[in-house]
Amino acid sequence: MDNRKSSKEEKKIKKIIDTVFFNDRGDTIETQTAYLKNNYKLIIFPALDKKNEGVINFRLVNGKKDNTYLLVESFIANYCPYYEGIDFQNYFALHSNGGGTSNFYFWLYDKETGNEVLTGITGNFDLKNELILYTDEDDEYKIFIYDVNTKVKTFIDLPYELMDKHECTQYNNSPKTLYIKQVTKEYYYLAFSICEPLLVEFRVKKSK
């Protein structure tokens, strides 16, 4: 065995372990590890690219498959995505507040390819039925339900006539409290959490 080569490798590993990265606030950027469905392991970590610039990458490990993807080219805290437990069978979501706005954003990724497939302002995640309720700021801030499996988007036309009948839904932020209450073969049933324990509910027919 070449002791010089062994020593060189040990030093390289130690250098990686000892490297500490800081965001724009001076806080340490920690590596985040999560175990996802279908035997995937997700690792989000800071690194330096070939130009010695700070980046955030993520790795997806599944058996012998081990791929690394670029997440963001910045150490700015408000732009650093993190995992918050949103895990579907074949997809997962990351979050950030998108640069210090009042909105929280999500990015949906394909586990198989690492590709981003959807982004928007976070609303409600129905993990059981694999649905995402979100606002699309690139489409006039319309609200949609996205079926993760069929990739079909259903537009949510807010029932203003119903909302005008209840004090709790007359506030500007009431649409932000929408959540998916029930799913049938043909309809999505949505309700406003701001009104609870009063149930203010409406239904929307699924798009095909």
Protein backbone atom coordinates (compact mmCIF):
# COMPACT_ATOMS: atom_id res chain seq x y z
CA MET A 1 0.00 0.00 0.00
CA ASP A 2 1.26 3.49 -0.88
CA ASN A 3 1.37 5.32 2.46
CA ARG A 4 1.86 8.66 0.72
CA LYS A 5 -1.32 8.19 -1.31
CA SER A 6 -3.21 7.10 1.81
CA SER A 7 -2.02 10.14 3.73
CA LYS A 8 -2.99 12.43 0.86
CA GLU A 9 -6.52 11.00 0.74
CA GLU A 10 -6.93 11.33 4.51
CA LYS A 11 -5.89 14.99 4.34
CA LYS A 12 -8.37 15.60 1.50
CA ILE A 13 -11.21 14.04 3.52
CA LYS A 14 -10.25 15.96 6.63
CA LYS A 15 -10.22 19.22 4.65
CA ILE A 16 -13.78 18.60 3.43
CA ILE A 17 -14.97 17.74 6.95
CA ASP A 18 -13.27 20.78 8.46
CA THR A 19 -14.65 23.23 5.89
CA VAL A 20 -17.31 25.45 7.41
CA PHE A 21 -19.62 27.56 5.24
CA PHE A 22 -21.48 30.66 6.39
CA ASN A 23 -24.50 32.44 4.97
CA ASP A 24 -24.88 36.21 4.56
CA ARG A 25 -26.05 36.48 8.19
CA GLY A 26 -22.91 34.85 9.51
CA ASP A 27 -24.70 31.64 10.49
CA THR A 28 -23.22 28.24 9.73
CA ILE A 29 -24.84 26.45 6.80
CA GLU A 30 -25.56 22.95 8.02
CA THR A 31 -25.86 19.86 5.87
CA GLN A 32 -29.38 18.44 5.93
CA THR A 33 -30.06 14.72 5.48
CA ALA A 34 -33.47 13.07 5.05
CA TYR A 35 -34.69 9.58 4.20
CA LEU A 36 -37.43 9.59 1.58
CA LYS A 37 -39.93 7.07 0.27
CA ASN A 38 -38.79 4.43 -2.25
CA ASN A 39 -35.46 4.11 -0.44
CA TYR A 40 -34.07 7.50 -1.43
CA LYS A 41 -31.65 9.44 0.71
CA LEU A 42 -31.60 13.22 0.29
CA ILE A 43 -28.58 15.30 1.27
CA ILE A 44 -28.59 19.10 0.94
CA PHE A 45 -25.15 20.61 1.45
CA PRO A 46 -23.02 23.72 0.82
CA ALA A 47 -20.00 23.50 -1.48
CA LEU A 48 -17.68 25.47 -3.75
CA ASP A 49 -18.03 25.21 -7.52
CA LYS A 50 -15.20 25.15 -10.05
CA LYS A 51 -14.95 28.95 -9.85
CA ASN A 52 -14.64 28.74 -6.06
CA GLU A 53 -18.07 30.30 -5.64
CA GLY A 54 -20.48 29.21 -2.92
CA VAL A 55 -23.35 26.97 -4.02
CA ILE A 56 -25.96 24.72 -2.44
CA ASN A 57 -26.22 21.23 -3.94
CA PHE A 58 -28.41 18.25 -3.26
CA ARG A 59 -27.61 14.54 -3.60
CA LEU A 60 -30.07 11.74 -4.20
CA VAL A 61 -28.83 8.29 -3.23
CA ASN A 62 -30.76 5.15 -4.10
CA GLY A 63 -28.85 1.87 -4.01
CA LYS A 64 -25.96 2.21 -6.45
CA LYS A 65 -27.35 5.45 -7.88
CA ASP A 66 -25.73 8.53 -6.38
CA ASN A 67 -26.31 11.81 -8.23
CA THR A 68 -25.55 15.40 -7.24
CA TYR A 69 -27.48 18.40 -8.57
CA LEU A 70 -27.07 22.16 -8.29
CA LEU A 71 -29.76 23.76 -6.14
CA VAL A 72 -28.84 27.47 -5.84
CA GLU A 73 -25.78 29.54 -6.64
CA SER A 74 -25.87 31.55 -3.45
CA PHE A 75 -25.29 31.40 0.29
CA ILE A 76 -27.96 34.04 0.96
CA ALA A 77 -30.06 32.69 3.83
CA ASN A 78 -33.46 33.65 2.40
CA TYR A 79 -32.69 31.78 -0.81
CA CYS A 80 -31.36 28.58 0.76
CA PRO A 81 -33.93 25.79 0.23
CA TYR A 82 -34.58 23.25 2.96
CA TYR A 83 -36.48 20.00 3.33
CA GLU A 84 -39.62 20.12 5.48
CA GLY A 85 -41.05 16.61 5.24
CA ILE A 86 -43.01 16.93 1.99
CA ASP A 87 -42.35 13.53 0.45
CA PHE A 88 -44.40 11.78 -2.23
CA GLN A 89 -43.70 8.36 -3.74
CA ASN A 90 -41.74 9.67 -6.73
CA TYR A 91 -41.30 13.34 -5.88
CA PHE A 92 -40.30 15.57 -2.97
CA ALA A 93 -40.50 19.28 -2.23
CA LEU A 94 -38.06 21.83 -0.87
CA HIS A 95 -38.95 25.23 0.61
CA SER A 96 -37.62 28.74 1.13
CA ASN A 97 -39.14 32.18 1.56
CA GLY A 98 -37.81 33.29 -1.81
CA GLY A 99 -35.66 36.20 -0.74
CA GLY A 100 -37.40 37.66 2.27
CA THR A 101 -40.93 38.13 0.93
CA SER A 102 -44.04 37.40 2.96
CA ASN A 103 -44.63 34.29 0.86
CA PHE A 104 -43.15 30.84 1.28
CA TYR A 105 -42.26 28.99 -1.88
CA PHE A 106 -41.85 25.35 -2.77
CA TRP A 107 -40.01 23.47 -5.50
CA LEU A 108 -41.11 19.97 -6.50
CA TYR A 109 -38.39 17.59 -7.70
CA ASP A 110 -38.45 14.26 -9.49
CA LYS A 111 -36.50 11.68 -7.45
CA GLU A 112 -35.50 9.71 -10.53
CA THR A 113 -34.03 12.61 -12.52
CA GLY A 114 -33.47 15.37 -9.96
CA ASN A 115 -35.41 17.74 -12.26
CA GLU A 116 -37.61 20.52 -10.95
CA VAL A 117 -41.18 19.91 -12.15
CA LEU A 118 -43.24 22.55 -10.33
CA THR A 119 -42.81 25.67 -8.23
CA GLY A 120 -45.20 28.09 -6.59
CA ILE A 121 -46.32 29.79 -3.41
CA THR A 122 -46.97 27.21 -0.72
CA GLY A 123 -50.56 26.49 0.14
CA ASN A 124 -51.46 22.99 1.33
CA PHE A 125 -49.96 19.56 0.73
CA ASP A 126 -52.17 16.47 0.75
CA LEU A 127 -49.62 13.69 1.12
CA LYS A 128 -52.21 10.93 1.25
CA ASN A 129 -53.73 11.81 -2.13
CA GLU A 130 -50.46 13.27 -3.48
CA LEU A 131 -51.91 16.71 -4.22
CA ILE A 132 -50.51 20.23 -3.96
CA LEU A 133 -52.66 23.32 -3.41
CA TYR A 134 -50.62 26.34 -4.45
CA THR A 135 -50.60 29.84 -5.93
CA ASP A 136 -48.93 30.43 -9.29
CA GLU A 137 -47.45 33.93 -9.25
CA ASP A 138 -46.50 33.55 -12.93
CA ASP A 139 -50.17 33.08 -13.84
CA GLU A 140 -51.82 36.12 -12.25
CA TYR A 141 -51.60 34.58 -8.78
CA LYS A 142 -54.26 32.02 -9.59
CA ILE A 143 -54.78 29.11 -7.20
CA PHE A 144 -54.47 25.54 -8.45
CA ILE A 145 -54.50 21.96 -7.21
CA TYR A 146 -51.76 19.92 -8.85
CA ASP A 147 -52.08 16.15 -9.00
CA VAL A 148 -48.53 14.90 -8.54
CA ASN A 149 -49.22 11.58 -10.27
CA THR A 150 -51.30 12.67 -13.27
CA LYS A 151 -49.60 16.11 -13.55
CA VAL A 152 -53.03 17.68 -14.10
CA LYS A 153 -53.70 21.19 -12.73
CA THR A 154 -57.20 22.18 -11.58
CA PHE A 155 -57.97 25.88 -11.33
CA ILE A 156 -59.59 26.90 -8.04
CA ASP A 157 -62.23 29.53 -8.73
CA LEU A 158 -62.83 31.15 -5.36
CA PRO A 159 -66.54 31.23 -4.36
CA TYR A 160 -66.80 34.94 -3.53
CA GLU A 161 -70.57 34.76 -3.15
CA LEU A 162 -70.11 32.14 -0.41
CA MET A 163 -67.21 34.05 1.12
CA ASP A 164 -69.24 37.25 1.38
CA LYS A 165 -71.71 35.44 3.64
CA HIS A 166 -69.11 34.71 6.32
CA GLU A 167 -67.12 37.25 8.29
CA CYS A 168 -64.13 34.91 8.53
CA THR A 169 -63.65 34.78 4.75
CA GLN A 170 -63.94 38.51 4.18
CA TYR A 171 -60.33 39.08 5.21
CA ASN A 172 -57.72 39.47 2.46
CA ASN A 173 -55.64 36.58 3.78
CA SER A 174 -58.50 34.06 3.91
CA PRO A 175 -57.51 32.33 0.61
CA LYS A 176 -54.11 31.61 2.18
CA THR A 177 -55.88 29.43 4.77
CA LEU A 178 -57.45 27.12 2.19
CA TYR A 179 -56.78 23.43 2.55
CA ILE A 180 -57.89 20.23 0.82
CA LYS A 181 -60.50 18.66 3.08
CA GLN A 182 -61.77 15.76 0.98
CA VAL A 183 -61.20 14.15 -2.41
CA THR A 184 -63.74 12.13 -4.39
CA LYS A 185 -63.60 10.65 -7.86
CA GLU A 186 -64.88 13.84 -9.49
CA TYR A 187 -64.41 16.66 -6.97
CA TYR A 188 -61.98 18.38 -4.63
CA TYR A 189 -63.56 19.74 -1.45
CA LEU A 190 -61.79 22.73 0.08
CA ALA A 191 -62.28 24.57 3.35
CA PHE A 192 -60.93 27.66 5.13
CA SER A 193 -59.00 26.91 8.32
CA ILE A 194 -59.43 30.54 9.41
CA CYS A 195 -63.14 29.85 9.91
CA GLU A 196 -62.82 26.78 12.13
CA PRO A 197 -64.63 25.45 14.11
CA LEU A 198 -67.18 26.79 11.62
CA LEU A 199 -67.01 24.77 8.39
CA VAL A 200 -66.95 26.96 5.30
CA GLU A 201 -66.53 24.54 2.43
CA PHE A 202 -66.90 24.42 -1.34
CA ARG A 203 -66.09 21.96 -4.09
CA VAL A 204 -64.33 22.17 -7.43
CA LYS A 205 -64.64 19.65 -10.26
CA LYS A 206 -61.37 17.98 -11.19
CA SER A 207 -59.76 18.83 -14.50
CA LYS A 208 -58.97 15.95 -16.82
